[in-house]
Amino acid sequence: MLREIVLDTETTGTEAKGGDRLIEIGAVELLNHIPTGRTFHRYCNPQRAVSEGAFNVHGLSDAFLSDKPVFAEIVGELLAFLADGRLVIHNAPFDIGFLNMEFARLGTNAPPPIQLEDVVDTLPMARRKHPGAANNLDALCARYGIDNTRRTKHGALLDAQILAEVYVELLGGKQTSLGLLEAGAAAPVAGSLAQVAAPAAPRAYRSRLTDAERARHDSFRASLGPAAIWGDYIGADDPV
């Protein structure tokens, strides 16, 4: 089973090396490119002010973040959720830069930094598939017909859920319904791991062949003779 974690973050600004901090982390678990329903979502107190530019993007204010845990208090939960999953991120250097910066701040308790070569970056994937076109998340949603009307502001969990849909399209298209925030489904609880039912198994459908069509097909099969390769897959009396 291929386990992947689609991840997104929000921050106080754009400069991880200049003192900006993580303030929100959202992640979605995929198994063989299908969401399991497990998500991770936490806010962090950055212990510094959110820049005006960043606030205009995500709407997370200093007052809202003031009573949230610091990163050191939630890193254990985050690492447990990531575990052995392969990260999938849009514009990975940005998010990985902030995660590694927060890890480094933990000092002797710091986990090893995440290596970019171990991350699936969907931005260069999109650029290779659509050269010369806009490849931000909104543009990709429009290109693939993915509903992003909920995205009035950037939010780490919502963006991770949307990116999971985009990622499947970049891989070649949906194999099954992703079931992300379906109508009537309970939204994940902020600040906790959420578990919901996995997508149902595909349903088997009855053949729509008429009796006349089946008879013509049986006649054609018979005309191929006993050595026809078709007989290796369908027995002489098997229904089609």
Protein backbone atom coordinates (compact mmCIF):
# COMPACT_ATOMS: atom_id res chain seq x y z
CA MET A 1 0.00 0.00 0.00
CA LEU A 2 1.37 3.41 -1.00
CA ARG A 3 0.76 5.86 1.86
CA GLU A 4 0.99 9.55 1.04
CA ILE A 5 0.31 12.67 3.08
CA VAL A 6 -0.92 15.75 1.21
CA LEU A 7 0.16 18.71 3.33
CA ASP A 8 -0.23 22.48 3.40
CA THR A 9 0.76 25.22 5.85
CA GLU A 10 -0.04 28.83 6.63
CA THR A 11 2.56 31.20 8.08
CA THR A 12 3.12 34.66 9.53
CA GLY A 13 4.93 35.71 6.34
CA THR A 14 7.09 34.39 3.54
CA GLU A 15 10.58 34.34 5.11
CA ALA A 16 11.30 31.22 7.16
CA LYS A 17 14.93 32.27 7.54
CA GLY A 18 13.88 35.82 8.39
CA GLY A 19 11.91 34.91 11.52
CA ASP A 20 8.47 34.10 10.14
CA ARG A 21 6.72 31.12 11.77
CA LEU A 22 4.18 28.40 11.06
CA ILE A 23 0.66 29.09 12.29
CA GLU A 24 -1.42 26.31 10.68
CA ILE A 25 -0.79 22.79 9.40
CA GLY A 26 -3.31 20.68 7.49
CA ALA A 27 -2.76 17.20 6.09
CA VAL A 28 -4.79 14.48 4.34
CA GLU A 29 -3.87 10.78 4.26
CA LEU A 30 -4.00 8.89 0.95
CA LEU A 31 -3.64 5.14 0.41
CA ASN A 32 -2.94 4.27 -3.22
CA HIS A 33 -4.01 7.82 -4.13
CA ILE A 34 -7.41 7.48 -2.38
CA PRO A 35 -8.21 9.52 0.78
CA THR A 36 -8.83 7.36 3.84
CA GLY A 37 -10.72 10.08 5.70
CA ARG A 38 -7.89 10.61 8.21
CA THR A 39 -6.75 14.21 8.52
CA PHE A 40 -4.48 16.28 10.72
CA HIS A 41 -5.22 19.93 11.47
CA ARG A 42 -3.65 22.19 14.07
CA TYR A 43 -3.12 25.91 14.65
CA CYS A 44 0.06 27.16 16.35
CA ASN A 45 0.86 30.27 18.35
CA PRO A 46 3.83 31.76 16.44
CA GLN A 47 4.86 34.01 19.33
CA ARG A 48 5.23 36.86 16.90
CA ALA A 49 2.88 39.09 14.89
CA VAL A 50 1.25 37.97 11.65
CA SER A 51 2.23 40.27 8.78
CA GLU A 52 -0.50 42.28 7.08
CA GLY A 53 0.17 40.58 3.76
CA ALA A 54 -0.15 37.10 5.26
CA PHE A 55 -3.30 38.05 7.17
CA ASN A 56 -4.89 39.20 3.92
CA VAL A 57 -4.22 35.74 2.47
CA HIS A 58 -5.43 33.49 5.29
CA GLY A 59 -7.31 35.74 7.72
CA LEU A 60 -5.66 34.28 10.86
CA SER A 61 -5.20 37.11 13.34
CA ASP A 62 -2.84 37.53 16.28
CA ALA A 63 -5.85 37.45 18.63
CA PHE A 64 -7.12 34.16 17.17
CA LEU A 65 -3.69 32.52 17.51
CA SER A 66 -2.88 33.85 20.97
CA ASP A 67 -4.35 30.88 22.88
CA LYS A 68 -3.14 28.16 20.51
CA PRO A 69 -0.31 25.75 21.45
CA VAL A 70 3.23 26.48 20.29
CA PHE A 71 4.75 24.22 17.64
CA ALA A 72 6.77 22.23 20.19
CA GLU A 73 3.50 21.11 21.81
CA ILE A 74 2.00 19.66 18.63
CA VAL A 75 5.08 18.33 16.82
CA GLY A 76 4.69 14.86 18.35
CA GLU A 77 1.17 14.53 16.95
CA LEU A 78 2.33 15.80 13.59
CA LEU A 79 5.22 13.34 13.33
CA ALA A 80 2.97 10.46 14.39
CA PHE A 81 0.53 11.34 11.61
CA LEU A 82 3.25 11.73 8.99
CA ALA A 83 4.98 8.50 10.11
CA ASP A 84 6.23 6.67 7.01
CA GLY A 85 4.02 8.56 4.54
CA ARG A 86 5.44 10.23 1.45
CA LEU A 87 4.71 13.96 1.51
CA VAL A 88 2.80 15.60 -1.36
CA ILE A 89 3.02 19.42 -1.37
CA HIS A 90 2.38 22.23 -3.86
CA ASN A 91 5.54 24.36 -4.05
CA ALA A 92 7.30 22.11 -1.57
CA PRO A 93 10.38 24.30 -0.86
CA PHE A 94 8.15 26.85 0.89
CA ASP A 95 6.38 24.46 3.28
CA ILE A 96 9.43 22.26 3.85
CA GLY A 97 11.51 25.35 4.59
CA PHE A 98 9.09 26.33 7.36
CA LEU A 99 8.77 22.80 8.76
CA ASN A 100 12.55 22.37 8.90
CA MET A 101 12.92 25.80 10.50
CA GLU A 102 10.44 24.82 13.22
CA PHE A 103 12.22 21.49 13.71
CA ALA A 104 15.56 23.27 14.13
CA ARG A 105 14.06 25.50 16.84
CA LEU A 106 13.46 22.40 18.97
CA GLY A 107 17.18 22.08 19.64
CA THR A 108 18.30 18.70 20.95
CA ASN A 109 14.77 17.29 20.49
CA ALA A 110 14.69 18.20 16.80
CA PRO A 111 13.74 15.46 14.33
CA PRO A 112 15.91 15.17 11.21
CA PRO A 113 15.10 17.73 8.52
CA ILE A 114 12.81 16.69 5.67
CA GLN A 115 14.70 16.25 2.40
CA LEU A 116 13.11 17.85 -0.67
CA GLU A 117 14.04 14.88 -2.83
CA ASP A 118 11.74 12.73 -0.66
CA VAL A 119 8.74 14.99 -1.34
CA VAL A 120 6.35 14.92 -4.30
CA ASP A 121 6.08 18.55 -5.44
CA THR A 122 2.90 19.05 -7.48
CA LEU A 123 3.98 22.45 -8.81
CA PRO A 124 6.71 21.14 -11.16
CA MET A 125 4.36 18.23 -11.99
CA ALA A 126 1.76 20.76 -13.14
CA ARG A 127 4.33 22.83 -15.03
CA ARG A 128 5.50 19.77 -16.96
CA LYS A 129 1.94 18.80 -17.80
CA HIS A 130 0.76 22.35 -18.61
CA PRO A 131 3.82 24.35 -19.76
CA GLY A 132 3.27 28.06 -20.10
CA ALA A 133 -0.05 27.99 -18.20
CA ALA A 134 -0.92 29.24 -14.72
CA ASN A 135 -0.39 26.41 -12.25
CA ASN A 136 -1.41 27.79 -8.89
CA LEU A 137 -4.06 25.84 -6.97
CA ASP A 138 -6.98 28.00 -8.15
CA ALA A 139 -5.92 27.70 -11.80
CA LEU A 140 -5.57 23.92 -11.49
CA CYS A 141 -9.01 23.66 -9.90
CA ALA A 142 -10.49 25.60 -12.81
CA ARG A 143 -8.63 23.42 -15.34
CA TYR A 144 -9.83 20.17 -13.80
CA GLY A 145 -13.34 21.25 -12.84
CA ILE A 146 -12.69 20.95 -9.09
CA ASP A 147 -15.04 22.95 -6.88
CA ASN A 148 -13.01 25.44 -4.83
CA THR A 149 -15.81 27.89 -4.03
CA ARG A 150 -15.20 27.23 -0.32
CA ARG A 151 -11.72 28.72 -0.73
CA THR A 152 -12.53 32.37 -0.01
CA LYS A 153 -9.35 32.45 2.12
CA HIS A 154 -6.36 30.14 2.19
CA GLY A 155 -6.66 27.46 4.87
CA ALA A 156 -4.17 24.64 5.40
CA LEU A 157 -6.63 21.74 5.72
CA LEU A 158 -8.98 22.92 2.99
CA ASP A 159 -6.05 23.53 0.64
CA ALA A 160 -4.65 20.06 1.41
CA GLN A 161 -8.03 18.51 0.63
CA ILE A 162 -8.28 20.40 -2.65
CA LEU A 163 -4.68 19.55 -3.52
CA ALA A 164 -5.45 15.86 -2.99
CA GLU A 165 -8.03 16.12 -5.78
CA VAL A 166 -5.65 18.06 -8.01
CA TYR A 167 -2.88 15.51 -7.39
CA VAL A 168 -5.06 12.63 -8.61
CA GLU A 169 -5.85 14.62 -11.78
CA LEU A 170 -2.15 15.31 -12.36
CA LEU A 171 -1.53 11.57 -12.10
CA GLY A 172 -4.02 10.94 -14.88
CA GLY A 173 -7.52 11.26 -13.49
CA LYS A 174 -9.78 9.98 -10.77
CA GLN A 175 -10.10 6.24 -10.24
CA THR A 176 -12.90 6.69 -7.74
CA SER A 177 -14.68 9.49 -5.91
CA LEU A 178 -12.37 11.24 -3.50
CA GLY A 179 -15.19 11.91 -1.08
CA LEU A 180 -13.62 15.10 0.28
CA LEU A 181 -16.07 17.17 2.30
CA GLU A 182 -19.06 15.55 0.59
CA ALA A 183 -22.40 17.23 1.18
CA GLY A 184 -23.69 16.16 4.57
CA ALA A 185 -20.35 14.73 5.72
CA ALA A 186 -19.00 15.88 9.05
CA ALA A 187 -16.05 18.28 8.77
CA PRO A 188 -12.84 17.32 10.63
CA VAL A 189 -12.56 18.80 14.10
CA ALA A 190 -9.89 21.50 14.27
CA GLY A 191 -6.92 20.52 16.36
CA SER A 192 -7.47 16.76 16.26
CA LEU A 193 -7.11 13.68 14.12
CA ALA A 194 -10.38 12.82 12.39
CA GLN A 195 -11.42 9.36 11.19
CA VAL A 196 -14.36 8.82 8.86
CA ALA A 197 -15.46 5.86 6.78
CA ALA A 198 -13.32 4.95 3.77
CA PRO A 199 -14.93 5.10 0.31
CA ALA A 200 -17.20 2.16 -0.43
CA ALA A 201 -15.96 -0.63 -2.69
CA PRO A 202 -16.97 -0.34 -6.37
CA ARG A 203 -20.34 -1.94 -7.12
CA ALA A 204 -20.68 -4.75 -9.65
CA TYR A 205 -23.13 -4.09 -12.52
CA ARG A 206 -25.21 -6.58 -14.46
CA SER A 207 -24.64 -7.03 -18.17
CA ARG A 208 -26.93 -5.01 -20.48
CA LEU A 209 -26.66 -7.46 -23.38
CA THR A 210 -29.95 -8.62 -24.86
CA ASP A 211 -30.56 -12.30 -25.56
CA ALA A 212 -30.21 -11.64 -29.31
CA GLU A 213 -26.89 -9.85 -28.82
CA ARG A 214 -25.62 -12.64 -26.59
CA ALA A 215 -26.61 -15.25 -29.20
CA ARG A 216 -24.77 -13.37 -31.98
CA HIS A 217 -21.71 -13.09 -29.75
CA ASP A 218 -21.78 -16.83 -28.91
CA SER A 219 -22.03 -17.59 -32.63
CA PHE A 220 -19.01 -15.39 -33.34
CA ARG A 221 -17.00 -17.08 -30.57
CA ALA A 222 -17.88 -20.50 -31.99
CA SER A 223 -16.69 -19.43 -35.45
CA LEU A 224 -13.19 -18.78 -34.04
CA GLY A 225 -12.64 -22.48 -33.38
CA PRO A 226 -11.52 -24.35 -30.24
CA ALA A 227 -7.98 -22.93 -30.35
CA ALA A 228 -9.12 -19.30 -30.09
CA ILE A 229 -7.36 -17.39 -27.30
CA TRP A 230 -10.75 -16.14 -26.07
CA GLY A 231 -11.31 -19.55 -24.50
CA ASP A 232 -8.42 -18.96 -22.11
CA TYR A 233 -10.44 -16.18 -20.45
CA ILE A 234 -14.11 -17.11 -20.92
CA GLY A 235 -15.37 -20.67 -20.64
CA ALA A 236 -17.66 -22.06 -23.30
CA ASP A 237 -20.71 -21.70 -21.08
CA ASP A 238 -19.73 -18.48 -19.30
CA PRO A 239 -22.10 -15.50 -19.56
CA VAL A 240 -20.59 -12.32 -20.96
